[in-house]
Amino acid sequence: MGALVRNTVVARTPLDGVPEQRVWAAVRSVAEHAGHVLAVSATPEGDERWSVLLNGSRVDWVQRNHPVAGGRMRFDQVSGDLAELGGTWSVADGVLGLDVEFHLGVDGLAPLLDPIWAQSFQAHADALVRAVAAASREGDA
């Protein structure tokens, strides 16, 4: 069996002096600010159930969030449509960041599908950081 190949996308946007607590509040309410996010809801276990549109398809997962030192929050899929999904939100030096790692779980088709899904996840991450930053600046978080 070969090594698991993970794809990574990175999105960054400046925060223009927005207080960190407003940014984190907007991260927690991101579904209200990003149009391609259909829903984010809490599960009874305290995880988050996400439903988003990627590549014109609905993709669902449940993720667990883990605070990490240094102005970061890690998230990992605990169940869902992908073989693996995780990443990190970060706030540092006036910049909001989102790194997303994923593995589709369709190894034989990876050379064909991974670039398409990487583009979709890049657009997803870019839209999320822009939406969170905008909501933080407006104080709507």
Foldseek 3Di string as FASTA:
>chain_A
DDDADKDKAKAKDFQVPQDLVLLVVLLVVLCVQFPQWPDWDADPVGWIWTWGAFPNDIWIFTKHWDDDPQAKIKIWTPDTQAPTKIWMWGADPRMTMIMIMGGRPPVVCCVPCVVRRSVRVNVVRHRSRVRSSVCSVVVVD
